[in-house]
């Protein structure tokens, strides 16, 4: 049966609309007020990780572990569909977040067998991946270090470049296994040996234990010229110190310890990946934005001016802000 021309055109336009606005139809695009700030890919990643956090936090108290791992994925699938419930769950947890909540969220890619398998599919395969214990000192125990290298044993022993990585994790979580994707990529692209330190975490090991432990690892590597991890030869090994997030903070502390030590050669370079050096909220917000959180400016709630509004509200002569200025002795503008 033939369809009329107008039905054909209408069907074609409808199909084009669906193809061009599929993200909106499926709810995968950022909400309208946020589209100028976030790309589609970023919003999709946020949508997935919010669902995963909500699902894993919902099941975190379930015992035994196999049931918890299964329910975590089941709840995450539910929250992928019910996005509003996921956002509500995450907001409630973040309002009263604990160390256990952080560890469940940040370690889920390692502790859950399904997510661990999915991550392994996208991880570069290296010739050498092994654990060594390094850095014993009077004040710290030896730290487990993951050694990665893309090559044979002979190439490993002759390598003259070592990247000592301090992984991030808010000072409380995440071992080197949580960072294997980019660490393996570093080893593959640079042809250097990557040594990632599984330092002791707070609050069980408070500051400055992690710095002392990572410094002890660097000192042993430098003083033995890499022989402690199996390197051979007399040519000096070049070390690069690296750290992301909280690991960047610890790496900076290690560098200061190196500068304070006599006779200890410093690294050839330092790499900070979004290093956490200032945890004050004012470090990443403008002065006008911090006024909302710090309460340094009166808000006109009586005239329905939102304290979180992006646009600056029109000031009225009789507004609460104007009256506050008069009472304080300043003339309203």
C-alpha atoms as a PDB file:
ATOM      1  CA  UNK A   1       0.000   0.000   0.000  1.00  0.00           C
ATOM      2  CA  UNK A   2       1.367   3.373  -0.985  1.00  0.00           C
ATOM      3  CA  UNK A   3       1.650   6.134   1.563  1.00  0.00           C
ATOM      4  CA  UNK A   4       0.829   9.685   0.664  1.00  0.00           C
ATOM      5  CA  UNK A   5       3.514  12.318   0.152  1.00  0.00           C
ATOM      6  CA  UNK A   6       2.773  14.163   3.370  1.00  0.00           C
ATOM      7  CA  UNK A   7       3.035  10.946   5.417  1.00  0.00           C
ATOM      8  CA  UNK A   8       6.389  10.141   3.808  1.00  0.00           C
ATOM      9  CA  UNK A   9       7.750  13.632   4.526  1.00  0.00           C
ATOM     10  CA  UNK A  10       6.415  13.587   8.079  1.00  0.00           C
ATOM     11  CA  UNK A  11       7.967  10.171   8.739  1.00  0.00           C
ATOM     12  CA  UNK A  12      11.292  11.279   7.272  1.00  0.00           C
ATOM     13  CA  UNK A  13      11.377  14.461   9.365  1.00  0.00           C
ATOM     14  CA  UNK A  14      10.444  12.488  12.472  1.00  0.00           C
ATOM     15  CA  UNK A  15      13.273  10.029  11.848  1.00  0.00           C
ATOM     16  CA  UNK A  16      15.760  12.871  11.340  1.00  0.00           C
ATOM     17  CA  UNK A  17      14.606  14.530  14.541  1.00  0.00           C
ATOM     18  CA  UNK A  18      15.025  11.306  16.507  1.00  0.00           C
ATOM     19  CA  UNK A  19      18.507  10.735  15.120  1.00  0.00           C
ATOM     20  CA  UNK A  20      19.628  14.307  15.858  1.00  0.00           C
ATOM     21  CA  UNK A  21      18.058  14.415  19.326  1.00  0.00           C
ATOM     22  CA  UNK A  22      18.574  10.829  20.450  1.00  0.00           C
ATOM     23  CA  UNK A  23      20.444  11.996  23.560  1.00  0.00           C
ATOM     24  CA  UNK A  24      17.468  14.125  24.605  1.00  0.00           C
ATOM     25  CA  UNK A  25      14.974  11.361  23.877  1.00  0.00           C
ATOM     26  CA  UNK A  26      16.930   8.825  25.956  1.00  0.00           C
ATOM     27  CA  UNK A  27      17.882  11.363  28.617  1.00  0.00           C
ATOM     28  CA  UNK A  28      21.625  11.100  27.949  1.00  0.00           C
ATOM     29  CA  UNK A  29      22.248  14.798  27.339  1.00  0.00           C
ATOM     30  CA  UNK A  30      23.057  17.307  30.038  1.00  0.00           C
ATOM     31  CA  UNK A  31      20.071  19.303  31.291  1.00  0.00           C
ATOM     32  CA  UNK A  32      19.468  22.564  29.476  1.00  0.00           C
ATOM     33  CA  UNK A  33      21.113  24.922  32.043  1.00  0.00           C
ATOM     34  CA  UNK A  34      24.280  22.779  32.081  1.00  0.00           C
ATOM     35  CA  UNK A  35      24.831  22.256  28.358  1.00  0.00           C
ATOM     36  CA  UNK A  36      27.129  25.235  27.984  1.00  0.00           C
ATOM     37  CA  UNK A  37      29.368  23.877  30.755  1.00  0.00           C
ATOM     38  CA  UNK A  38      29.446  20.101  30.084  1.00  0.00           C
ATOM     39  CA  UNK A  39      29.919  18.106  26.904  1.00  0.00           C
ATOM     40  CA  UNK A  40      27.783  15.079  26.015  1.00  0.00           C
ATOM     41  CA  UNK A  41      30.553  12.606  26.781  1.00  0.00           C
ATOM     42  CA  UNK A  42      31.228  14.179  30.187  1.00  0.00           C
ATOM     43  CA  UNK A  43      27.544  14.105  31.120  1.00  0.00           C
ATOM     44  CA  UNK A  44      27.247  10.459  30.013  1.00  0.00           C
ATOM     45  CA  UNK A  45      30.242   9.518  32.158  1.00  0.00           C
ATOM     46  CA  UNK A  46      28.732  11.417  35.097  1.00  0.00           C
ATOM     47  CA  UNK A  47      25.427   9.597  34.549  1.00  0.00           C
ATOM     48  CA  UNK A  48      27.144   6.176  34.589  1.00  0.00           C
ATOM     49  CA  UNK A  49      29.384   6.861  37.598  1.00  0.00           C
ATOM     50  CA  UNK A  50      26.527   8.383  39.591  1.00  0.00           C
ATOM     51  CA  UNK A  51      24.508   5.204  39.014  1.00  0.00           C
ATOM     52  CA  UNK A  52      27.484   3.022  39.991  1.00  0.00           C
ATOM     53  CA  UNK A  53      28.131   5.001  43.178  1.00  0.00           C
ATOM     54  CA  UNK A  54      24.474   4.859  44.148  1.00  0.00           C
ATOM     55  CA  UNK A  55      24.289   1.123  43.457  1.00  0.00           C
ATOM     56  CA  UNK A  56      27.455   0.221  45.320  1.00  0.00           C
ATOM     57  CA  UNK A  57      26.554   2.430  48.290  1.00  0.00           C
ATOM     58  CA  UNK A  58      23.113   0.829  48.470  1.00  0.00           C
ATOM     59  CA  UNK A  59      24.627  -2.669  48.667  1.00  0.00           C
ATOM     60  CA  UNK A  60      27.732  -1.858  50.737  1.00  0.00           C
ATOM     61  CA  UNK A  61      26.332  -3.324  53.973  1.00  0.00           C
ATOM     62  CA  UNK A  62      25.283  -6.640  52.400  1.00  0.00           C
ATOM     63  CA  UNK A  63      27.103  -9.797  53.467  1.00  0.00           C
ATOM     64  CA  UNK A  64      28.601 -12.097  52.100  1.00  0.00           C
ATOM     65  CA  UNK A  65      30.851 -10.506  49.492  1.00  0.00           C
ATOM     66  CA  UNK A  66      29.575 -12.481  46.471  1.00  0.00           C
ATOM     67  CA  UNK A  67      26.037 -11.322  47.185  1.00  0.00           C
ATOM     68  CA  UNK A  68      27.216  -7.748  47.721  1.00  0.00           C
ATOM     69  CA  UNK A  69      29.077  -7.778  44.394  1.00  0.00           C
ATOM     70  CA  UNK A  70      25.990  -9.089  42.595  1.00  0.00           C
ATOM     71  CA  UNK A  71      23.534  -6.682  44.202  1.00  0.00           C
ATOM     72  CA  UNK A  72      25.868  -3.752  43.588  1.00  0.00           C
ATOM     73  CA  UNK A  73      25.567  -4.324  39.845  1.00  0.00           C
ATOM     74  CA  UNK A  74      21.815  -4.977  40.049  1.00  0.00           C
ATOM     75  CA  UNK A  75      21.209  -1.748  41.960  1.00  0.00           C
ATOM     76  CA  UNK A  76      23.516   0.144  39.584  1.00  0.00           C
ATOM     77  CA  UNK A  77      21.458  -1.060  36.615  1.00  0.00           C
ATOM     78  CA  UNK A  78      18.327   0.167  38.390  1.00  0.00           C
ATOM     79  CA  UNK A  79      19.870   3.587  39.014  1.00  0.00           C
ATOM     80  CA  UNK A  80      20.952   3.845  35.369  1.00  0.00           C
ATOM     81  CA  UNK A  81      17.261   3.888  34.487  1.00  0.00           C
ATOM     82  CA  UNK A  82      15.987   5.818  37.516  1.00  0.00           C
ATOM     83  CA  UNK A  83      18.450   8.679  37.327  1.00  0.00           C
ATOM     84  CA  UNK A  84      16.589  10.938  39.758  1.00  0.00           C
ATOM     85  CA  UNK A  85      16.738   8.225  42.424  1.00  0.00           C
ATOM     86  CA  UNK A  86      20.469   7.866  41.779  1.00  0.00           C
ATOM     87  CA  UNK A  87      21.100  11.595  42.213  1.00  0.00           C
ATOM     88  CA  UNK A  88      19.009  11.607  45.402  1.00  0.00           C
ATOM     89  CA  UNK A  89      20.925   8.628  46.813  1.00  0.00           C
ATOM     90  CA  UNK A  90      24.313  10.156  46.024  1.00  0.00           C
ATOM     91  CA  UNK A  91      23.366  13.507  47.535  1.00  0.00           C
ATOM     92  CA  UNK A  92      22.226  11.881  50.760  1.00  0.00           C
ATOM     93  CA  UNK A  93      25.440   9.873  51.071  1.00  0.00           C
ATOM     94  CA  UNK A  94      27.687  12.840  50.284  1.00  0.00           C
ATOM     95  CA  UNK A  95      25.964  14.906  52.970  1.00  0.00           C
ATOM     96  CA  UNK A  96      27.193  12.422  55.592  1.00  0.00           C
ATOM     97  CA  UNK A  97      30.003  10.695  53.729  1.00  0.00           C
ATOM     98  CA  UNK A  98      32.409   8.448  55.633  1.00  0.00           C
ATOM     99  CA  UNK A  99      35.771   6.866  54.875  1.00  0.00           C
ATOM    100  CA  UNK A 100      33.999   3.592  54.111  1.00  0.00           C
ATOM    101  CA  UNK A 101      31.778   5.279  51.542  1.00  0.00           C
ATOM    102  CA  UNK A 102      34.838   6.747  49.804  1.00  0.00           C
ATOM    103  CA  UNK A 103      36.613   3.410  49.756  1.00  0.00           C
ATOM    104  CA  UNK A 104      33.574   1.575  48.380  1.00  0.00           C
ATOM    105  CA  UNK A 105      33.197   4.167  45.620  1.00  0.00           C
ATOM    106  CA  UNK A 106      36.842   4.457  44.611  1.00  0.00           C
ATOM    107  CA  UNK A 107      37.766   0.773  44.925  1.00  0.00           C
ATOM    108  CA  UNK A 108      34.769  -0.675  43.089  1.00  0.00           C
ATOM    109  CA  UNK A 109      36.748  -1.085  39.852  1.00  0.00           C
ATOM    110  CA  UNK A 110      39.211  -3.359  41.652  1.00  0.00           C
ATOM    111  CA  UNK A 111      37.113  -5.201  44.224  1.00  0.00           C
ATOM    112  CA  UNK A 112      34.131  -6.077  42.026  1.00  0.00           C
ATOM    113  CA  UNK A 113      35.086  -9.019  39.748  1.00  0.00           C
ATOM    114  CA  UNK A 114      32.854  -7.946  36.847  1.00  0.00           C
ATOM    115  CA  UNK A 115      34.170  -4.374  36.740  1.00  0.00           C
ATOM    116  CA  UNK A 116      37.706  -5.699  37.180  1.00  0.00           C
ATOM    117  CA  UNK A 117      37.237  -7.942  34.142  1.00  0.00           C
ATOM    118  CA  UNK A 118      35.825  -5.079  32.044  1.00  0.00           C
ATOM    119  CA  UNK A 119      38.761  -2.841  32.995  1.00  0.00           C
ATOM    120  CA  UNK A 120      41.219  -5.582  32.074  1.00  0.00           C
ATOM    121  CA  UNK A 121      39.801  -5.722  28.543  1.00  0.00           C
ATOM    122  CA  UNK A 122      40.874  -2.100  27.960  1.00  0.00           C
ATOM    123  CA  UNK A 123      44.208  -2.322  29.783  1.00  0.00           C
ATOM    124  CA  UNK A 124      47.456  -2.505  27.769  1.00  0.00           C
ATOM    125  CA  UNK A 125      49.231  -5.837  28.202  1.00  0.00           C
ATOM    126  CA  UNK A 126      52.791  -5.565  29.501  1.00  0.00           C
ATOM    127  CA  UNK A 127      55.663  -8.016  29.539  1.00  0.00           C
ATOM    128  CA  UNK A 128      56.498  -7.533  33.217  1.00  0.00           C
ATOM    129  CA  UNK A 129      54.108  -6.811  36.089  1.00  0.00           C
ATOM    130  CA  UNK A 130      55.211  -7.875  39.560  1.00  0.00           C
ATOM    131  CA  UNK A 131      55.183  -6.849  43.206  1.00  0.00           C
ATOM    132  CA  UNK A 132      58.257  -5.917  45.244  1.00  0.00           C
ATOM    133  CA  UNK A 133      58.670  -4.687  48.800  1.00  0.00           C
ATOM    134  CA  UNK A 134      60.716  -1.497  49.127  1.00  0.00           C
ATOM    135  CA  UNK A 135      61.538   1.332  51.483  1.00  0.00           C
ATOM    136  CA  UNK A 136      62.014  -0.029  54.977  1.00  0.00           C
ATOM    137  CA  UNK A 137      63.105   2.626  57.482  1.00  0.00           C
ATOM    138  CA  UNK A 138      63.174   3.191  61.226  1.00  0.00           C
ATOM    139  CA  UNK A 139      59.775   4.904  61.208  1.00  0.00           C
ATOM    140  CA  UNK A 140      57.936   2.984  58.466  1.00  0.00           C
ATOM    141  CA  UNK A 141      57.409  -0.524  57.190  1.00  0.00           C
ATOM    142  CA  UNK A 142      58.260  -1.642  53.679  1.00  0.00           C
ATOM    143  CA  UNK A 143      55.681  -0.671  51.074  1.00  0.00           C
ATOM    144  CA  UNK A 144      54.325  -2.977  48.393  1.00  0.00           C
ATOM    145  CA  UNK A 145      55.254  -1.583  44.989  1.00  0.00           C
ATOM    146  CA  UNK A 146      53.897  -2.671  41.621  1.00  0.00           C
ATOM    147  CA  UNK A 147      56.618  -2.764  38.941  1.00  0.00           C
ATOM    148  CA  UNK A 148      55.504  -2.469  35.302  1.00  0.00           C
ATOM    149  CA  UNK A 149      57.589  -2.688  32.139  1.00  0.00           C
ATOM    150  CA  UNK A 150      56.783  -3.261  28.490  1.00  0.00           C
ATOM    151  CA  UNK A 151      59.597  -5.536  27.389  1.00  0.00           C
ATOM    152  CA  UNK A 152      61.693  -8.620  28.126  1.00  0.00           C
ATOM    153  CA  UNK A 153      63.709  -9.402  31.254  1.00  0.00           C
ATOM    154  CA  UNK A 154      66.948  -8.467  29.467  1.00  0.00           C
ATOM    155  CA  UNK A 155      65.523  -5.087  28.429  1.00  0.00           C
ATOM    156  CA  UNK A 156      64.216  -4.582  31.953  1.00  0.00           C
ATOM    157  CA  UNK A 157      67.624  -5.127  33.573  1.00  0.00           C
ATOM    158  CA  UNK A 158      69.274  -2.715  31.116  1.00  0.00           C
ATOM    159  CA  UNK A 159      66.637   0.049  31.405  1.00  0.00           C
ATOM    160  CA  UNK A 160      67.972   3.368  32.742  1.00  0.00           C
ATOM    161  CA  UNK A 161      64.687   5.246  33.316  1.00  0.00           C
ATOM    162  CA  UNK A 162      62.326   4.680  36.254  1.00  0.00           C
ATOM    163  CA  UNK A 163      59.049   6.499  36.947  1.00  0.00           C
ATOM    164  CA  UNK A 164      58.202   6.391  40.647  1.00  0.00           C
ATOM    165  CA  UNK A 165      54.443   6.901  40.836  1.00  0.00           C
ATOM    166  CA  UNK A 166      52.455   7.856  43.933  1.00  0.00           C
ATOM    167  CA  UNK A 167      48.801   7.047  43.121  1.00  0.00           C
ATOM    168  CA  UNK A 168      45.991   9.278  44.313  1.00  0.00           C
ATOM    169  CA  UNK A 169      42.965   8.317  46.346  1.00  0.00           C
ATOM    170  CA  UNK A 170      42.103  11.101  48.751  1.00  0.00           C
ATOM    171  CA  UNK A 171      44.890   9.937  51.122  1.00  0.00           C
ATOM    172  CA  UNK A 172      42.508   7.175  52.297  1.00  0.00           C
ATOM    173  CA  UNK A 173      42.000   4.763  49.401  1.00  0.00           C
ATOM    174  CA  UNK A 174      43.065   3.319  46.023  1.00  0.00           C
ATOM    175  CA  UNK A 175      46.065   1.052  45.472  1.00  0.00           C
ATOM    176  CA  UNK A 176      48.165   0.983  42.272  1.00  0.00           C
ATOM    177  CA  UNK A 177      45.718  -1.538  40.781  1.00  0.00           C
ATOM    178  CA  UNK A 178      43.119   1.251  40.604  1.00  0.00           C
ATOM    179  CA  UNK A 179      45.409   3.182  38.247  1.00  0.00           C
ATOM    180  CA  UNK A 180      46.710   0.410  36.005  1.00  0.00           C
ATOM    181  CA  UNK A 181      45.159   1.803  32.804  1.00  0.00           C
ATOM    182  CA  UNK A 182      47.258   4.931  32.603  1.00  0.00           C
ATOM    183  CA  UNK A 183      50.273   3.446  34.397  1.00  0.00           C
ATOM    184  CA  UNK A 184      50.451   0.657  31.824  1.00  0.00           C
ATOM    185  CA  UNK A 185      50.074   3.246  29.056  1.00  0.00           C
ATOM    186  CA  UNK A 186      52.991   5.206  30.548  1.00  0.00           C
ATOM    187  CA  UNK A 187      55.168   2.103  30.578  1.00  0.00           C
ATOM    188  CA  UNK A 188      54.157   1.241  27.034  1.00  0.00           C
ATOM    189  CA  UNK A 189      54.718   4.679  25.515  1.00  0.00           C
ATOM    190  CA  UNK A 190      57.817   5.801  27.428  1.00  0.00           C
ATOM    191  CA  UNK A 191      59.575   2.395  27.527  1.00  0.00           C
ATOM    192  CA  UNK A 192      60.466   3.239  31.115  1.00  0.00           C
ATOM    193  CA  UNK A 193      59.978   1.155  34.249  1.00  0.00           C
ATOM    194  CA  UNK A 194      56.971   2.304  36.285  1.00  0.00           C
ATOM    195  CA  UNK A 195      57.099   1.673  40.024  1.00  0.00           C
ATOM    196  CA  UNK A 196      53.809   2.509  41.754  1.00  0.00           C
ATOM    197  CA  UNK A 197      53.762   2.646  45.555  1.00  0.00           C
ATOM    198  CA  UNK A 198      50.929   1.151  47.589  1.00  0.00           C
ATOM    199  CA  UNK A 199      51.579   3.432  50.541  1.00  0.00           C
ATOM    200  CA  UNK A 200      49.764   3.142  53.860  1.00  0.00           C
ATOM    201  CA  UNK A 201      46.488   5.083  53.975  1.00  0.00           C
ATOM    202  CA  UNK A 202      44.946   7.418  56.513  1.00  0.00           C
ATOM    203  CA  UNK A 203      43.323   7.437  59.009  1.00  0.00           C
ATOM    204  CA  UNK A 204      44.951   4.168  60.114  1.00  0.00           C
ATOM    205  CA  UNK A 205      48.357   5.662  59.224  1.00  0.00           C
ATOM    206  CA  UNK A 206      48.105   9.434  59.775  1.00  0.00           C
ATOM    207  CA  UNK A 207      50.265  12.171  58.261  1.00  0.00           C
ATOM    208  CA  UNK A 208      53.187  12.130  57.543  1.00  0.00           C
ATOM    209  CA  UNK A 209      53.469   8.336  57.387  1.00  0.00           C
ATOM    210  CA  UNK A 210      52.703   8.109  53.640  1.00  0.00           C
ATOM    211  CA  UNK A 211      55.333  10.761  52.827  1.00  0.00           C
ATOM    212  CA  UNK A 212      57.948   9.012  54.961  1.00  0.00           C
ATOM    213  CA  UNK A 213      57.143   5.657  53.367  1.00  0.00           C
ATOM    214  CA  UNK A 214      57.315   6.962  49.777  1.00  0.00           C
ATOM    215  CA  UNK A 215      60.534   8.828  50.573  1.00  0.00           C
ATOM    216  CA  UNK A 216      62.043   5.604  51.906  1.00  0.00           C
ATOM    217  CA  UNK A 217      61.125   3.888  48.625  1.00  0.00           C
ATOM    218  CA  UNK A 218      62.761   6.643  46.558  1.00  0.00           C
ATOM    219  CA  UNK A 219      65.873   6.625  48.733  1.00  0.00           C
ATOM    220  CA  UNK A 220      66.342   2.864  48.344  1.00  0.00           C
ATOM    221  CA  UNK A 221      65.862   3.081  44.580  1.00  0.00           C
ATOM    222  CA  UNK A 222      68.348   5.940  44.279  1.00  0.00           C
ATOM    223  CA  UNK A 223      71.019   4.592  46.640  1.00  0.00           C
ATOM    224  CA  UNK A 224      70.976   1.133  45.012  1.00  0.00           C
ATOM    225  CA  UNK A 225      70.764   2.600  41.492  1.00  0.00           C
ATOM    226  CA  UNK A 226      67.704   0.450  40.857  1.00  0.00           C
ATOM    227  CA  UNK A 227      69.333  -2.827  41.873  1.00  0.00           C
ATOM    228  CA  UNK A 228      66.625  -3.313  44.521  1.00  0.00           C
ATOM    229  CA  UNK A 229      64.121  -3.969  41.716  1.00  0.00           C
ATOM    230  CA  UNK A 230      66.517  -6.051  39.584  1.00  0.00           C
ATOM    231  CA  UNK A 231      68.355  -3.495  37.414  1.00  0.00           C
ATOM    232  CA  UNK A 232      71.950  -4.166  36.382  1.00  0.00           C
ATOM    233  CA  UNK A 233      74.822  -2.037  35.138  1.00  0.00           C
ATOM    234  CA  UNK A 234      76.826   0.897  36.460  1.00  0.00           C
ATOM    235  CA  UNK A 235      75.263   3.690  34.414  1.00  0.00           C
ATOM    236  CA  UNK A 236      73.191   6.019  36.564  1.00  0.00           C
ATOM    237  CA  UNK A 237      69.445   5.451  36.494  1.00  0.00           C
ATOM    238  CA  UNK A 238      67.286   8.511  35.939  1.00  0.00           C
ATOM    239  CA  UNK A 239      64.236   8.776  38.176  1.00  0.00           C
ATOM    240  CA  UNK A 240      61.050  10.718  37.530  1.00  0.00           C
ATOM    241  CA  UNK A 241      58.695  11.403  40.430  1.00  0.00           C
ATOM    242  CA  UNK A 242      54.974  11.419  39.559  1.00  0.00           C
ATOM    243  CA  UNK A 243      51.693  11.648  41.421  1.00  0.00           C
ATOM    244  CA  UNK A 244      48.026  12.363  40.748  1.00  0.00           C
ATOM    245  CA  UNK A 245      45.556  14.121  43.047  1.00  0.00           C
ATOM    246  CA  UNK A 246      46.486  13.243  46.648  1.00  0.00           C
ATOM    247  CA  UNK A 247      49.475  11.354  45.251  1.00  0.00           C
ATOM    248  CA  UNK A 248      50.724  14.649  43.800  1.00  0.00           C
ATOM    249  CA  UNK A 249      50.597  16.149  47.272  1.00  0.00           C
ATOM    250  CA  UNK A 250      52.593  13.232  48.688  1.00  0.00           C
ATOM    251  CA  UNK A 251      55.070  13.393  45.793  1.00  0.00           C
ATOM    252  CA  UNK A 252      55.648  17.080  46.544  1.00  0.00           C
ATOM    253  CA  UNK A 253      56.293  16.179  50.179  1.00  0.00           C
ATOM    254  CA  UNK A 254      58.785  13.535  49.051  1.00  0.00           C
ATOM    255  CA  UNK A 255      60.572  16.122  46.916  1.00  0.00           C
ATOM    256  CA  UNK A 256      60.927  18.434  49.924  1.00  0.00           C
ATOM    257  CA  UNK A 257      62.370  15.537  51.928  1.00  0.00           C
ATOM    258  CA  UNK A 258      64.859  14.910  49.107  1.00  0.00           C
ATOM    259  CA  UNK A 259      65.951  18.559  49.139  1.00  0.00           C
ATOM    260  CA  UNK A 260      66.468  18.372  52.899  1.00  0.00           C
ATOM    261  CA  UNK A 261      68.619  15.216  52.631  1.00  0.00           C
ATOM    262  CA  UNK A 262      72.359  15.502  52.128  1.00  0.00           C
ATOM    263  CA  UNK A 263      74.007  13.368  49.470  1.00  0.00           C
ATOM    264  CA  UNK A 264      70.740  12.177  47.903  1.00  0.00           C
ATOM    265  CA  UNK A 265      70.359  12.921  44.211  1.00  0.00           C
ATOM    266  CA  UNK A 266      67.040  14.449  43.194  1.00  0.00           C
ATOM    267  CA  UNK A 267      64.758  13.190  40.416  1.00  0.00           C
ATOM    268  CA  UNK A 268      65.314  14.164  36.791  1.00  0.00           C
ATOM    269  CA  UNK A 269      61.737  15.446  36.637  1.00  0.00           C
ATOM    270  CA  UNK A 270      58.477  15.731  38.536  1.00  0.00           C
ATOM    271  CA  UNK A 271      55.008  15.177  37.060  1.00  0.00           C
ATOM    272  CA  UNK A 272      51.920  16.371  38.924  1.00  0.00           C
ATOM    273  CA  UNK A 273      48.581  15.214  37.498  1.00  0.00           C
ATOM    274  CA  UNK A 274      45.848  17.496  38.948  1.00  0.00           C
ATOM    275  CA  UNK A 275      47.822  17.543  42.175  1.00  0.00           C
ATOM    276  CA  UNK A 276      45.860  18.275  45.351  1.00  0.00           C
ATOM    277  CA  UNK A 277      47.856  21.087  46.951  1.00  0.00           C
ATOM    278  CA  UNK A 278      45.090  23.338  48.266  1.00  0.00           C
ATOM    279  CA  UNK A 279      41.894  21.821  49.644  1.00  0.00           C
ATOM    280  CA  UNK A 280      40.352  25.235  50.362  1.00  0.00           C
ATOM    281  CA  UNK A 281      37.196  25.663  48.286  1.00  0.00           C
ATOM    282  CA  UNK A 282      38.424  29.138  47.291  1.00  0.00           C
ATOM    283  CA  UNK A 283      41.243  27.526  45.334  1.00  0.00           C
ATOM    284  CA  UNK A 284      38.888  26.551  42.501  1.00  0.00           C
ATOM    285  CA  UNK A 285      36.044  29.067  42.834  1.00  0.00           C
ATOM    286  CA  UNK A 286      36.003  32.775  42.084  1.00  0.00           C
ATOM    287  CA  UNK A 287      35.555  35.310  44.858  1.00  0.00           C
ATOM    288  CA  UNK A 288      31.975  36.022  43.815  1.00  0.00           C
ATOM    289  CA  UNK A 289      31.148  32.305  43.825  1.00  0.00           C
ATOM    290  CA  UNK A 290      32.592  31.758  47.291  1.00  0.00           C
ATOM    291  CA  UNK A 291      30.380  34.491  48.720  1.00  0.00           C
ATOM    292  CA  UNK A 292      27.458  32.116  48.309  1.00  0.00           C
ATOM    293  CA  UNK A 293      29.134  29.499  50.523  1.00  0.00           C
ATOM    294  CA  UNK A 294      30.948  31.777  52.955  1.00  0.00           C
ATOM    295  CA  UNK A 295      27.992  34.082  53.614  1.00  0.00           C
ATOM    296  CA  UNK A 296      30.001  37.300  53.191  1.00  0.00           C
ATOM    297  CA  UNK A 297      27.166  38.988  51.325  1.00  0.00           C
ATOM    298  CA  UNK A 298      23.515  39.382  52.338  1.00  0.00           C
ATOM    299  CA  UNK A 299      20.947  37.822  50.015  1.00  0.00           C
ATOM    300  CA  UNK A 300      17.556  39.289  49.205  1.00  0.00           C
ATOM    301  CA  UNK A 301      15.317  36.326  50.022  1.00  0.00           C
ATOM    302  CA  UNK A 302      12.336  38.635  50.585  1.00  0.00           C
ATOM    303  CA  UNK A 303      12.362  39.598  46.913  1.00  0.00           C
ATOM    304  CA  UNK A 304      12.920  36.002  45.733  1.00  0.00           C
ATOM    305  CA  UNK A 305      16.546  36.548  44.696  1.00  0.00           C
ATOM    306  CA  UNK A 306      18.099  33.091  44.794  1.00  0.00           C
ATOM    307  CA  UNK A 307      21.460  32.869  46.636  1.00  0.00           C
ATOM    308  CA  UNK A 308      22.571  30.341  43.984  1.00  0.00           C
ATOM    309  CA  UNK A 309      21.503  32.411  40.987  1.00  0.00           C
ATOM    310  CA  UNK A 310      24.165  32.808  38.291  1.00  0.00           C
ATOM    311  CA  UNK A 311      22.794  36.129  37.029  1.00  0.00           C
ATOM    312  CA  UNK A 312      23.170  39.063  39.396  1.00  0.00           C
ATOM    313  CA  UNK A 313      19.712  40.069  40.668  1.00  0.00           C
ATOM    314  CA  UNK A 314      18.413  43.614  40.275  1.00  0.00           C
ATOM    315  CA  UNK A 315      18.895  45.525  43.508  1.00  0.00           C
ATOM    316  CA  UNK A 316      15.815  47.192  44.975  1.00  0.00           C
ATOM    317  CA  UNK A 317      15.957  50.249  47.195  1.00  0.00           C
ATOM    318  CA  UNK A 318      13.972  48.449  49.877  1.00  0.00           C
ATOM    319  CA  UNK A 319      15.788  45.134  49.600  1.00  0.00           C
ATOM    320  CA  UNK A 320      17.157  43.269  52.572  1.00  0.00           C
ATOM    321  CA  UNK A 321      20.717  43.846  51.317  1.00  0.00           C
ATOM    322  CA  UNK A 322      20.142  47.616  51.184  1.00  0.00           C
ATOM    323  CA  UNK A 323      18.650  47.657  54.667  1.00  0.00           C
ATOM    324  CA  UNK A 324      21.595  45.657  56.025  1.00  0.00           C
ATOM    325  CA  UNK A 325      24.019  48.207  54.577  1.00  0.00           C
ATOM    326  CA  UNK A 326      22.071  51.097  56.183  1.00  0.00           C
ATOM    327  CA  UNK A 327      22.044  49.399  59.579  1.00  0.00           C
ATOM    328  CA  UNK A 328      25.790  48.732  59.330  1.00  0.00           C
ATOM    329  CA  UNK A 329      26.468  52.387  58.577  1.00  0.00           C
ATOM    330  CA  UNK A 330      27.084  52.109  54.823  1.00  0.00           C
ATOM    331  CA  UNK A 331      24.951  53.861  52.271  1.00  0.00           C
ATOM    332  CA  UNK A 332      23.174  51.579  49.795  1.00  0.00           C
ATOM    333  CA  UNK A 333      24.429  51.762  46.224  1.00  0.00           C
END
